[in-house]
Amino acid sequence: MHKWISLVVLAWMPALAVGQSIRCSDKIISEGSSGLEVSSLCGDPAQVEHKTIYKDASASASNVAVGTTTEVHVDLWTYNFGPDRLMQRIWLVDGVVVRIESLGRYGF
């Protein structure tokens, strides 16, 4: 069930975000990394947001009843690594990184 939810969220994300990664403590954080790994290597995020996304599950899976809605909880961790590096936002679903996006130097 959890993998199915992750697939739904990944299908929802824009294709441009696929394949992003960041470097923390000389290690690479990428899609599939755990939240525990991110926090141990990158430290505490500057900002944490909790979002709930409601998806039409019937559009993504043929064995789900029409009109079924799935609730997906997403955590967004924003890191500010200082003036020499771009700010990064990490999307986590069920404690696993599903997306990494660059926000620019000042979060724009």
PDB file of N, CA and C in Angstrom:
ATOM      1  N   MET A   1       0.822  -1.194   0.000  1.00  0.00           N
ATOM      2  CA  MET A   1       0.000   0.000   0.000  1.00  0.00           C
ATOM      3  C   MET A   1       0.867   1.260   0.000  1.00  0.00           C
ATOM      4  N   HIS A   2       1.927   1.279   0.835  1.00  0.00           N
ATOM      5  CA  HIS A   2       2.777   2.472   0.920  1.00  0.00           C
ATOM      6  C   HIS A   2       3.496   2.730  -0.395  1.00  0.00           C
ATOM      7  N   LYS A   3       3.942   1.680  -1.062  1.00  0.00           N
ATOM      8  CA  LYS A   3       4.620   1.871  -2.342  1.00  0.00           C
ATOM      9  C   LYS A   3       3.651   2.416  -3.374  1.00  0.00           C
ATOM     10  N   TRP A   4       2.397   1.959  -3.316  1.00  0.00           N
ATOM     11  CA  TRP A   4       1.398   2.441  -4.244  1.00  0.00           C
ATOM     12  C   TRP A   4       1.166   3.929  -4.048  1.00  0.00           C
ATOM     13  N   ILE A   5       1.089   4.374  -2.796  1.00  0.00           N
ATOM     14  CA  ILE A   5       0.892   5.795  -2.502  1.00  0.00           C
ATOM     15  C   ILE A   5       2.070   6.608  -3.026  1.00  0.00           C
ATOM     16  N   SER A   6       3.280   6.099  -2.830  1.00  0.00           N
ATOM     17  CA  SER A   6       4.463   6.799  -3.338  1.00  0.00           C
ATOM     18  C   SER A   6       4.410   6.923  -4.856  1.00  0.00           C
ATOM     19  N   LEU A   7       3.943   5.876  -5.528  1.00  0.00           N
ATOM     20  CA  LEU A   7       3.833   5.934  -6.982  1.00  0.00           C
ATOM     21  C   LEU A   7       2.810   6.967  -7.422  1.00  0.00           C
ATOM     22  N   VAL A   8       1.717   7.083  -6.680  1.00  0.00           N
ATOM     23  CA  VAL A   8       0.710   8.087  -6.998  1.00  0.00           C
ATOM     24  C   VAL A   8       1.310   9.483  -6.878  1.00  0.00           C
ATOM     25  N   VAL A   9       2.057   9.717  -5.806  1.00  0.00           N
ATOM     26  CA  VAL A   9       2.670  11.031  -5.600  1.00  0.00           C
ATOM     27  C   VAL A   9       3.698  11.309  -6.685  1.00  0.00           C
ATOM     28  N   LEU A  10       4.498  10.316  -7.034  1.00  0.00           N
ATOM     29  CA  LEU A  10       5.493  10.512  -8.081  1.00  0.00           C
ATOM     30  C   LEU A  10       4.840  10.842  -9.416  1.00  0.00           C
ATOM     31  N   ALA A  11       3.715  10.209  -9.710  1.00  0.00           N
ATOM     32  CA  ALA A  11       3.012  10.498 -10.955  1.00  0.00           C
ATOM     33  C   ALA A  11       2.469  11.923 -10.961  1.00  0.00           C
ATOM     34  N   TRP A  12       2.180  12.445  -9.784  1.00  0.00           N
ATOM     35  CA  TRP A  12       1.644  13.791  -9.639  1.00  0.00           C
ATOM     36  C   TRP A  12       2.726  14.847  -9.824  1.00  0.00           C
ATOM     37  N   MET A  13       3.972  14.520  -9.503  1.00  0.00           N
ATOM     38  CA  MET A  13       5.068  15.482  -9.533  1.00  0.00           C
ATOM     39  C   MET A  13       5.453  15.802 -10.977  1.00  0.00           C
ATOM     40  N   PRO A  14       5.906  17.005 -11.229  1.00  0.00           N
ATOM     41  CA  PRO A  14       6.370  17.360 -12.571  1.00  0.00           C
ATOM     42  C   PRO A  14       7.596  16.536 -12.972  1.00  0.00           C
ATOM     43  N   ALA A  15       7.677  16.235 -14.240  1.00  0.00           N
ATOM     44  CA  ALA A  15       8.774  15.405 -14.740  1.00  0.00           C
ATOM     45  C   ALA A  15      10.138  16.078 -14.580  1.00  0.00           C
ATOM     46  N   LEU A  16      10.181  17.393 -14.500  1.00  0.00           N
ATOM     47  CA  LEU A  16      11.458  18.088 -14.365  1.00  0.00           C
ATOM     48  C   LEU A  16      12.172  17.791 -13.058  1.00  0.00           C
ATOM     49  N   ALA A  17      11.453  17.380 -12.041  1.00  0.00           N
ATOM     50  CA  ALA A  17      12.047  17.155 -10.726  1.00  0.00           C
ATOM     51  C   ALA A  17      12.730  15.793 -10.614  1.00  0.00           C
ATOM     52  N   VAL A  18      12.486  14.904 -11.562  1.00  0.00           N
ATOM     53  CA  VAL A  18      13.030  13.561 -11.484  1.00  0.00           C
ATOM     54  C   VAL A  18      14.547  13.613 -11.610  1.00  0.00           C
ATOM     55  N   GLY A  19      15.236  12.884 -10.756  1.00  0.00           N
ATOM     56  CA  GLY A  19      16.676  12.762 -10.848  1.00  0.00           C
ATOM     57  C   GLY A  19      17.464  13.794 -10.073  1.00  0.00           C
ATOM     58  N   GLN A  20      16.825  14.659  -9.310  1.00  0.00           N
ATOM     59  CA  GLN A  20      17.538  15.655  -8.522  1.00  0.00           C
ATOM     60  C   GLN A  20      18.255  14.986  -7.353  1.00  0.00           C
ATOM     61  N   SER A  21      19.345  15.595  -6.929  1.00  0.00           N
ATOM     62  CA  SER A  21      20.068  15.129  -5.748  1.00  0.00           C
ATOM     63  C   SER A  21      20.802  16.312  -5.135  1.00  0.00           C
ATOM     64  N   ILE A  22      21.201  16.141  -3.862  1.00  0.00           N
ATOM     65  CA  ILE A  22      22.003  17.156  -3.186  1.00  0.00           C
ATOM     66  C   ILE A  22      23.120  16.449  -2.427  1.00  0.00           C
ATOM     67  N   ARG A  23      24.137  17.210  -2.102  1.00  0.00           N
ATOM     68  CA  ARG A  23      25.274  16.663  -1.361  1.00  0.00           C
ATOM     69  C   ARG A  23      25.262  17.223   0.057  1.00  0.00           C
ATOM     70  N   CYS A  24      25.333  16.314   1.032  1.00  0.00           N
ATOM     71  CA  CYS A  24      25.432  16.678   2.446  1.00  0.00           C
ATOM     72  C   CYS A  24      26.512  15.807   3.086  1.00  0.00           C
ATOM     73  N   SER A  25      27.422  16.424   3.796  1.00  0.00           N
ATOM     74  CA  SER A  25      28.496  15.676   4.482  1.00  0.00           C
ATOM     75  C   SER A  25      29.212  14.722   3.536  1.00  0.00           C
ATOM     76  N   ASP A  26      29.510  15.203   2.332  1.00  0.00           N
ATOM     77  CA  ASP A  26      30.210  14.413   1.305  1.00  0.00           C
ATOM     78  C   ASP A  26      29.467  13.150   0.895  1.00  0.00           C
ATOM     79  N   LYS A  27      28.159  13.099   1.129  1.00  0.00           N
ATOM     80  CA  LYS A  27      27.306  11.993   0.696  1.00  0.00           C
ATOM     81  C   LYS A  27      26.206  12.561  -0.191  1.00  0.00           C
ATOM     82  N   ILE A  28      25.678  11.738  -1.087  1.00  0.00           N
ATOM     83  CA  ILE A  28      24.613  12.154  -1.987  1.00  0.00           C
ATOM     84  C   ILE A  28      23.264  11.741  -1.413  1.00  0.00           C
ATOM     85  N   ILE A  29      22.348  12.695  -1.366  1.00  0.00           N
ATOM     86  CA  ILE A  29      20.957  12.450  -0.997  1.00  0.00           C
ATOM     87  C   ILE A  29      20.158  12.529  -2.291  1.00  0.00           C
ATOM     88  N   SER A  30      19.370  11.507  -2.561  1.00  0.00           N
ATOM     89  CA  SER A  30      18.569  11.503  -3.778  1.00  0.00           C
ATOM     90  C   SER A  30      17.227  10.836  -3.508  1.00  0.00           C
ATOM     91  N   GLU A  31      16.400  10.757  -4.538  1.00  0.00           N
ATOM     92  CA  GLU A  31      15.108  10.103  -4.409  1.00  0.00           C
ATOM     93  C   GLU A  31      15.325   8.677  -3.899  1.00  0.00           C
ATOM     94  N   GLY A  32      14.508   8.277  -2.933  1.00  0.00           N
ATOM     95  CA  GLY A  32      14.636   6.956  -2.335  1.00  0.00           C
ATOM     96  C   GLY A  32      15.394   6.964  -1.017  1.00  0.00           C
ATOM     97  N   SER A  33      16.118   8.054  -0.728  1.00  0.00           N
ATOM     98  CA  SER A  33      16.811   8.162   0.560  1.00  0.00           C
ATOM     99  C   SER A  33      15.770   8.299   1.668  1.00  0.00           C
ATOM    100  N   SER A  34      16.114   7.851   2.859  1.00  0.00           N
ATOM    101  CA  SER A  34      15.184   7.958   3.985  1.00  0.00           C
ATOM    102  C   SER A  34      15.301   9.328   4.651  1.00  0.00           C
ATOM    103  N   GLY A  35      14.238   9.736   5.319  1.00  0.00           N
ATOM    104  CA  GLY A  35      14.253  10.990   6.066  1.00  0.00           C
ATOM    105  C   GLY A  35      15.292  10.960   7.170  1.00  0.00           C
ATOM    106  N   LEU A  36      15.488   9.793   7.781  1.00  0.00           N
ATOM    107  CA  LEU A  36      16.498   9.641   8.825  1.00  0.00           C
ATOM    108  C   LEU A  36      17.893   9.892   8.255  1.00  0.00           C
ATOM    109  N   GLU A  37      18.142   9.373   7.064  1.00  0.00           N
ATOM    110  CA  GLU A  37      19.431   9.588   6.409  1.00  0.00           C
ATOM    111  C   GLU A  37      19.632  11.072   6.087  1.00  0.00           C
ATOM    112  N   VAL A  38      18.589  11.723   5.595  1.00  0.00           N
ATOM    113  CA  VAL A  38      18.674  13.150   5.265  1.00  0.00           C
ATOM    114  C   VAL A  38      18.997  13.964   6.509  1.00  0.00           C
ATOM    115  N   SER A  39      18.256  13.732   7.599  1.00  0.00           N
ATOM    116  CA  SER A  39      18.477  14.537   8.810  1.00  0.00           C
ATOM    117  C   SER A  39      19.831  14.244   9.440  1.00  0.00           C
ATOM    118  N   SER A  40      20.312  13.010   9.353  1.00  0.00           N
ATOM    119  CA  SER A  40      21.622  12.714   9.948  1.00  0.00           C
ATOM    120  C   SER A  40      22.765  13.308   9.125  1.00  0.00           C
ATOM    121  N   LEU A  41      22.603  13.406   7.811  1.00  0.00           N
ATOM    122  CA  LEU A  41      23.666  13.945   6.962  1.00  0.00           C
ATOM    123  C   LEU A  41      23.562  15.457   6.759  1.00  0.00           C
ATOM    124  N   CYS A  42      22.345  15.989   6.682  1.00  0.00           N
ATOM    125  CA  CYS A  42      22.148  17.404   6.370  1.00  0.00           C
ATOM    126  C   CYS A  42      21.801  18.245   7.590  1.00  0.00           C
ATOM    127  N   GLY A  43      21.470  17.603   8.705  1.00  0.00           N
ATOM    128  CA  GLY A  43      21.075  18.347   9.892  1.00  0.00           C
ATOM    129  C   GLY A  43      19.599  18.692   9.861  1.00  0.00           C
ATOM    130  N   ASP A  44      19.190  19.556  10.771  1.00  0.00           N
ATOM    131  CA  ASP A  44      17.794  19.964  10.847  1.00  0.00           C
ATOM    132  C   ASP A  44      17.486  20.950   9.729  1.00  0.00           C
ATOM    133  N   PRO A  45      16.317  20.826   9.092  1.00  0.00           N
ATOM    134  CA  PRO A  45      15.940  21.781   8.046  1.00  0.00           C
ATOM    135  C   PRO A  45      15.625  23.152   8.640  1.00  0.00           C
ATOM    136  N   ALA A  46      15.758  24.187   7.827  1.00  0.00           N
ATOM    137  CA  ALA A  46      15.419  25.549   8.253  1.00  0.00           C
ATOM    138  C   ALA A  46      13.912  25.709   8.400  1.00  0.00           C
ATOM    139  N   GLN A  47      13.150  24.942   7.627  1.00  0.00           N
ATOM    140  CA  GLN A  47      11.690  25.026   7.668  1.00  0.00           C
ATOM    141  C   GLN A  47      11.105  23.651   7.375  1.00  0.00           C
ATOM    142  N   VAL A  48      10.008  23.314   8.061  1.00  0.00           N
ATOM    143  CA  VAL A  48       9.284  22.067   7.830  1.00  0.00           C
ATOM    144  C   VAL A  48       7.816  22.404   7.591  1.00  0.00           C
ATOM    145  N   GLU A  49       7.267  21.871   6.520  1.00  0.00           N
ATOM    146  CA  GLU A  49       5.844  22.028   6.214  1.00  0.00           C
ATOM    147  C   GLU A  49       5.219  20.651   6.110  1.00  0.00           C
ATOM    148  N   HIS A  50       3.983  20.538   6.555  1.00  0.00           N
ATOM    149  CA  HIS A  50       3.225  19.297   6.440  1.00  0.00           C
ATOM    150  C   HIS A  50       2.034  19.583   5.541  1.00  0.00           C
ATOM    151  N   LYS A  51       1.879  18.784   4.500  1.00  0.00           N
ATOM    152  CA  LYS A  51       0.773  18.971   3.567  1.00  0.00           C
ATOM    153  C   LYS A  51       0.023  17.660   3.393  1.00  0.00           C
ATOM    154  N   THR A  52      -1.235  17.777   3.048  1.00  0.00           N
ATOM    155  CA  THR A  52      -2.039  16.623   2.696  1.00  0.00           C
ATOM    156  C   THR A  52      -2.519  16.816   1.273  1.00  0.00           C
ATOM    157  N   ILE A  53      -2.283  15.820   0.433  1.00  0.00           N
ATOM    158  CA  ILE A  53      -2.697  15.859  -0.959  1.00  0.00           C
ATOM    159  C   ILE A  53      -3.803  14.826  -1.127  1.00  0.00           C
ATOM    160  N   TYR A  54      -4.872  15.220  -1.779  1.00  0.00           N
ATOM    161  CA  TYR A  54      -5.972  14.300  -2.057  1.00  0.00           C
ATOM    162  C   TYR A  54      -5.932  13.953  -3.538  1.00  0.00           C
ATOM    163  N   LYS A  55      -5.741  12.685  -3.814  1.00  0.00           N
ATOM    164  CA  LYS A  55      -5.606  12.215  -5.194  1.00  0.00           C
ATOM    165  C   LYS A  55      -6.772  11.324  -5.564  1.00  0.00           C
ATOM    166  N   ASP A  56      -7.179  11.395  -6.819  1.00  0.00           N
ATOM    167  CA  ASP A  56      -8.186  10.490  -7.356  1.00  0.00           C
ATOM    168  C   ASP A  56      -7.486   9.169  -7.635  1.00  0.00           C
ATOM    169  N   ALA A  57      -7.676   8.204  -6.763  1.00  0.00           N
ATOM    170  CA  ALA A  57      -6.974   6.922  -6.864  1.00  0.00           C
ATOM    171  C   ALA A  57      -7.438   6.113  -8.062  1.00  0.00           C
ATOM    172  N   SER A  58      -8.666   6.277  -8.504  1.00  0.00           N
ATOM    173  CA  SER A  58      -9.180   5.486  -9.616  1.00  0.00           C
ATOM    174  C   SER A  58      -8.483   5.830 -10.929  1.00  0.00           C
ATOM    175  N   ALA A  59      -7.938   7.033 -11.048  1.00  0.00           N
ATOM    176  CA  ALA A  59      -7.241   7.427 -12.268  1.00  0.00           C
ATOM    177  C   ALA A  59      -5.867   6.786 -12.371  1.00  0.00           C
ATOM    178  N   SER A  60      -5.325   6.308 -11.248  1.00  0.00           N
ATOM    179  CA  SER A  60      -3.970   5.772 -11.236  1.00  0.00           C
ATOM    180  C   SER A  60      -3.907   4.251 -11.180  1.00  0.00           C
ATOM    181  N   ALA A  61      -4.987   3.606 -10.772  1.00  0.00           N
ATOM    182  CA  ALA A  61      -4.970   2.150 -10.631  1.00  0.00           C
ATOM    183  C   ALA A  61      -6.283   1.578 -11.136  1.00  0.00           C
ATOM    184  N   SER A  62      -6.193   0.544 -11.943  1.00  0.00           N
ATOM    185  CA  SER A  62      -7.384  -0.025 -12.545  1.00  0.00           C
ATOM    186  C   SER A  62      -8.226  -0.841 -11.567  1.00  0.00           C
ATOM    187  N   ASN A  63      -7.656  -1.281 -10.455  1.00  0.00           N
ATOM    188  CA  ASN A  63      -8.390  -2.120  -9.509  1.00  0.00           C
ATOM    189  C   ASN A  63      -9.000  -1.324  -8.357  1.00  0.00           C
ATOM    190  N   VAL A  64      -9.097  -0.006  -8.490  1.00  0.00           N
ATOM    191  CA  VAL A  64      -9.658   0.853  -7.448  1.00  0.00           C
ATOM    192  C   VAL A  64     -11.000   1.384  -7.945  1.00  0.00           C
ATOM    193  N   ALA A  65     -11.981   1.438  -7.065  1.00  0.00           N
ATOM    194  CA  ALA A  65     -13.318   1.897  -7.431  1.00  0.00           C
ATOM    195  C   ALA A  65     -13.299   3.342  -7.926  1.00  0.00           C
ATOM    196  N   VAL A  66     -14.136   3.624  -8.895  1.00  0.00           N
ATOM    197  CA  VAL A  66     -14.255   4.973  -9.448  1.00  0.00           C
ATOM    198  C   VAL A  66     -14.716   5.927  -8.349  1.00  0.00           C
ATOM    199  N   GLY A  67     -14.105   7.098  -8.294  1.00  0.00           N
ATOM    200  CA  GLY A  67     -14.460   8.099  -7.302  1.00  0.00           C
ATOM    201  C   GLY A  67     -13.742   7.939  -5.975  1.00  0.00           C
ATOM    202  N   THR A  68     -12.818   6.991  -5.880  1.00  0.00           N
ATOM    203  CA  THR A  68     -12.066   6.791  -4.648  1.00  0.00           C
ATOM    204  C   THR A  68     -10.978   7.847  -4.533  1.00  0.00           C
ATOM    205  N   THR A  69     -10.890   8.483  -3.388  1.00  0.00           N
ATOM    206  CA  THR A  69      -9.872   9.495  -3.138  1.00  0.00           C
ATOM    207  C   THR A  69      -8.899   8.972  -2.095  1.00  0.00           C
ATOM    208  N   THR A  70      -7.619   9.176  -2.347  1.00  0.00           N
ATOM    209  CA  THR A  70      -6.575   8.755  -1.426  1.00  0.00           C
ATOM    210  C   THR A  70      -5.948   9.986  -0.791  1.00  0.00           C
ATOM    211  N   GLU A  71      -5.745   9.931   0.514  1.00  0.00           N
ATOM    212  CA  GLU A  71      -5.114  11.013   1.256  1.00  0.00           C
ATOM    213  C   GLU A  71      -3.636  10.676   1.399  1.00  0.00           C
ATOM    214  N   VAL A  72      -2.765  11.568   0.947  1.00  0.00           N
ATOM    215  CA  VAL A  72      -1.323  11.358   1.014  1.00  0.00           C
ATOM    216  C   VAL A  72      -0.713  12.471   1.858  1.00  0.00           C
ATOM    217  N   HIS A  73       0.032  12.099   2.889  1.00  0.00           N
ATOM    218  CA  HIS A  73       0.694  13.074   3.759  1.00  0.00           C
ATOM    219  C   HIS A  73       2.118  13.288   3.257  1.00  0.00           C
ATOM    220  N   VAL A  74       2.456  14.553   3.031  1.00  0.00           N
ATOM    221  CA  VAL A  74       3.756  14.921   2.481  1.00  0.00           C
ATOM    222  C   VAL A  74       4.429  15.897   3.439  1.00  0.00           C
ATOM    223  N   ASP A  75       5.713  15.665   3.719  1.00  0.00           N
ATOM    224  CA  ASP A  75       6.516  16.591   4.505  1.00  0.00           C
ATOM    225  C   ASP A  75       7.466  17.295   3.553  1.00  0.00           C
ATOM    226  N   LEU A  76       7.556  18.611   3.672  1.00  0.00           N
ATOM    227  CA  LEU A  76       8.476  19.401   2.864  1.00  0.00           C
ATOM    228  C   LEU A  76       9.526  19.999   3.784  1.00  0.00           C
ATOM    229  N   TRP A  77      10.775  19.605   3.583  1.00  0.00           N
ATOM    230  CA  TRP A  77      11.889  20.113   4.382  1.00  0.00           C
ATOM    231  C   TRP A  77      12.679  21.082   3.517  1.00  0.00           C
ATOM    232  N   THR A  78      12.881  22.299   4.014  1.00  0.00           N
ATOM    233  CA  THR A  78      13.650  23.299   3.281  1.00  0.00           C
ATOM    234  C   THR A  78      14.987  23.520   3.979  1.00  0.00           C
ATOM    235  N   TYR A  79      16.056  23.423   3.192  1.00  0.00           N
ATOM    236  CA  TYR A  79      17.411  23.611   3.705  1.00  0.00           C
ATOM    237  C   TYR A  79      18.030  24.861   3.095  1.00  0.00           C
ATOM    238  N   ASN A  80      18.672  25.660   3.944  1.00  0.00           N
ATOM    239  CA  ASN A  80      19.426  26.824   3.501  1.00  0.00           C
ATOM    240  C   ASN A  80      20.874  26.546   3.884  1.00  0.00           C
ATOM    241  N   PHE A  81      21.677  26.205   2.894  1.00  0.00           N
ATOM    242  CA  PHE A  81      23.065  25.823   3.137  1.00  0.00           C
ATOM    243  C   PHE A  81      24.024  27.008   3.098  1.00  0.00           C
ATOM    244  N   GLY A  82      23.504  28.226   3.097  1.00  0.00           N
ATOM    245  CA  GLY A  82      24.365  29.407   3.114  1.00  0.00           C
ATOM    246  C   GLY A  82      24.395  30.106   1.772  1.00  0.00           C
ATOM    247  N   PRO A  83      25.088  31.251   1.707  1.00  0.00           N
ATOM    248  CA  PRO A  83      25.061  32.099   0.511  1.00  0.00           C
ATOM    249  C   PRO A  83      25.751  31.501  -0.712  1.00  0.00           C
ATOM    250  N   ASP A  84      26.599  30.505  -0.516  1.00  0.00           N
ATOM    251  CA  ASP A  84      27.324  29.928  -1.645  1.00  0.00           C
ATOM    252  C   ASP A  84      26.619  28.742  -2.286  1.00  0.00           C
ATOM    253  N   ARG A  85      25.478  28.319  -1.720  1.00  0.00           N
ATOM    254  CA  ARG A  85      24.743  27.167  -2.263  1.00  0.00           C
ATOM    255  C   ARG A  85      23.263  27.501  -2.392  1.00  0.00           C
ATOM    256  N   LEU A  86      22.600  26.865  -3.332  1.00  0.00           N
ATOM    257  CA  LEU A  86      21.177  27.065  -3.532  1.00  0.00           C
ATOM    258  C   LEU A  86      20.381  26.441  -2.396  1.00  0.00           C
ATOM    259  N   MET A  87      19.266  27.093  -2.039  1.00  0.00           N
ATOM    260  CA  MET A  87      18.356  26.490  -1.068  1.00  0.00           C
ATOM    261  C   MET A  87      17.697  25.279  -1.728  1.00  0.00           C
ATOM    262  N   GLN A  88      17.374  24.283  -0.928  1.00  0.00           N
ATOM    263  CA  GLN A  88      16.796  23.045  -1.441  1.00  0.00           C
ATOM    264  C   GLN A  88      15.531  22.706  -0.667  1.00  0.00           C
ATOM    265  N   ARG A  89      14.514  22.193  -1.359  1.00  0.00           N
ATOM    266  CA  ARG A  89      13.307  21.682  -0.700  1.00  0.00           C
ATOM    267  C   ARG A  89      13.229  20.187  -1.000  1.00  0.00           C
ATOM    268  N   ILE A  90      13.077  19.404   0.062  1.00  0.00           N
ATOM    269  CA  ILE A  90      12.992  17.948  -0.068  1.00  0.00           C
ATOM    270  C   ILE A  90      11.572  17.516   0.282  1.00  0.00           C
ATOM    271  N   TRP A  91      10.943  16.764  -0.621  1.00  0.00           N
ATOM    272  CA  TRP A  91       9.598  16.234  -0.413  1.00  0.00           C
ATOM    273  C   TRP A  91       9.728  14.802   0.083  1.00  0.00           C
ATOM    274  N   LEU A  92       9.077  14.500   1.215  1.00  0.00           N
ATOM    275  CA  LEU A  92       9.102  13.148   1.772  1.00  0.00           C
ATOM    276  C   LEU A  92       7.679  12.602   1.885  1.00  0.00           C
ATOM    277  N   VAL A  93       7.500  11.367   1.445  1.00  0.00           N
ATOM    278  CA  VAL A  93       6.244  10.646   1.596  1.00  0.00           C
ATOM    279  C   VAL A  93       6.567   9.361   2.339  1.00  0.00           C
ATOM    280  N   ASP A  94       5.887   9.138   3.460  1.00  0.00           N
ATOM    281  CA  ASP A  94       6.153   7.963   4.299  1.00  0.00           C
ATOM    282  C   ASP A  94       7.625   7.869   4.690  1.00  0.00           C
ATOM    283  N   GLY A  95       8.268   9.025   4.931  1.00  0.00           N
ATOM    284  CA  GLY A  95       9.656   9.046   5.382  1.00  0.00           C
ATOM    285  C   GLY A  95      10.681   8.776   4.303  1.00  0.00           C
ATOM    286  N   VAL A  96      10.270   8.832   3.032  1.00  0.00           N
ATOM    287  CA  VAL A  96      11.181   8.567   1.918  1.00  0.00           C
ATOM    288  C   VAL A  96      11.173   9.770   0.980  1.00  0.00           C
ATOM    289  N   VAL A  97      12.365  10.156   0.508  1.00  0.00           N
ATOM    290  CA  VAL A  97      12.494  11.280  -0.417  1.00  0.00           C
ATOM    291  C   VAL A  97      11.885  10.894  -1.763  1.00  0.00           C
ATOM    292  N   VAL A  98      10.917  11.721  -2.228  1.00  0.00           N
ATOM    293  CA  VAL A  98      10.304  11.489  -3.533  1.00  0.00           C
ATOM    294  C   VAL A  98      10.602  12.616  -4.519  1.00  0.00           C
ATOM    295  N   ARG A  99      11.118  13.734  -4.009  1.00  0.00           N
ATOM    296  CA  ARG A  99      11.424  14.871  -4.889  1.00  0.00           C
ATOM    297  C   ARG A  99      12.396  15.799  -4.185  1.00  0.00           C
ATOM    298  N   ILE A 100      13.313  16.375  -4.963  1.00  0.00           N
ATOM    299  CA  ILE A 100      14.229  17.407  -4.472  1.00  0.00           C
ATOM    300  C   ILE A 100      14.180  18.541  -5.478  1.00  0.00           C
ATOM    301  N   GLU A 101      13.968  19.769  -4.979  1.00  0.00           N
ATOM    302  CA  GLU A 101      13.919  20.906  -5.890  1.00  0.00           C
ATOM    303  C   GLU A 101      14.806  22.033  -5.390  1.00  0.00           C
ATOM    304  N   SER A 102      15.463  22.709  -6.325  1.00  0.00           N
ATOM    305  CA  SER A 102      16.283  23.875  -6.002  1.00  0.00           C
ATOM    306  C   SER A 102      15.387  25.094  -5.954  1.00  0.00           C
ATOM    307  N   LEU A 103      15.599  25.945  -4.941  1.00  0.00           N
ATOM    308  CA  LEU A 103      14.782  27.128  -4.750  1.00  0.00           C
ATOM    309  C   LEU A 103      15.508  28.415  -5.076  1.00  0.00           C
ATOM    310  N   GLY A 104      16.750  28.337  -5.453  1.00  0.00           N
ATOM    311  CA  GLY A 104      17.519  29.542  -5.709  1.00  0.00           C
ATOM    312  C   GLY A 104      18.288  29.944  -4.460  1.00  0.00           C
ATOM    313  N   ARG A 105      18.978  31.041  -4.517  1.00  0.00           N
ATOM    314  CA  ARG A 105      19.814  31.486  -3.402  1.00  0.00           C
ATOM    315  C   ARG A 105      18.982  31.970  -2.209  1.00  0.00           C
ATOM    316  N   TYR A 106      17.819  32.535  -2.485  1.00  0.00           N
ATOM    317  CA  TYR A 106      17.019  33.117  -1.415  1.00  0.00           C
ATOM    318  C   TYR A 106      15.625  32.497  -1.328  1.00  0.00           C
ATOM    319  N   GLY A 107      15.450  31.334  -1.904  1.00  0.00           N
ATOM    320  CA  GLY A 107      14.177  30.637  -1.836  1.00  0.00           C
ATOM    321  C   GLY A 107      13.185  31.027  -2.911  1.00  0.00           C
ATOM    322  N   PHE A 108      13.631  31.775  -3.927  1.00  0.00           N
ATOM    323  CA  PHE A 108      12.717  32.186  -5.010  1.00  0.00           C
ATOM    324  C   PHE A 108      12.780  31.193  -6.141  1.00  0.00           C
TER     325      PHE A 108
END
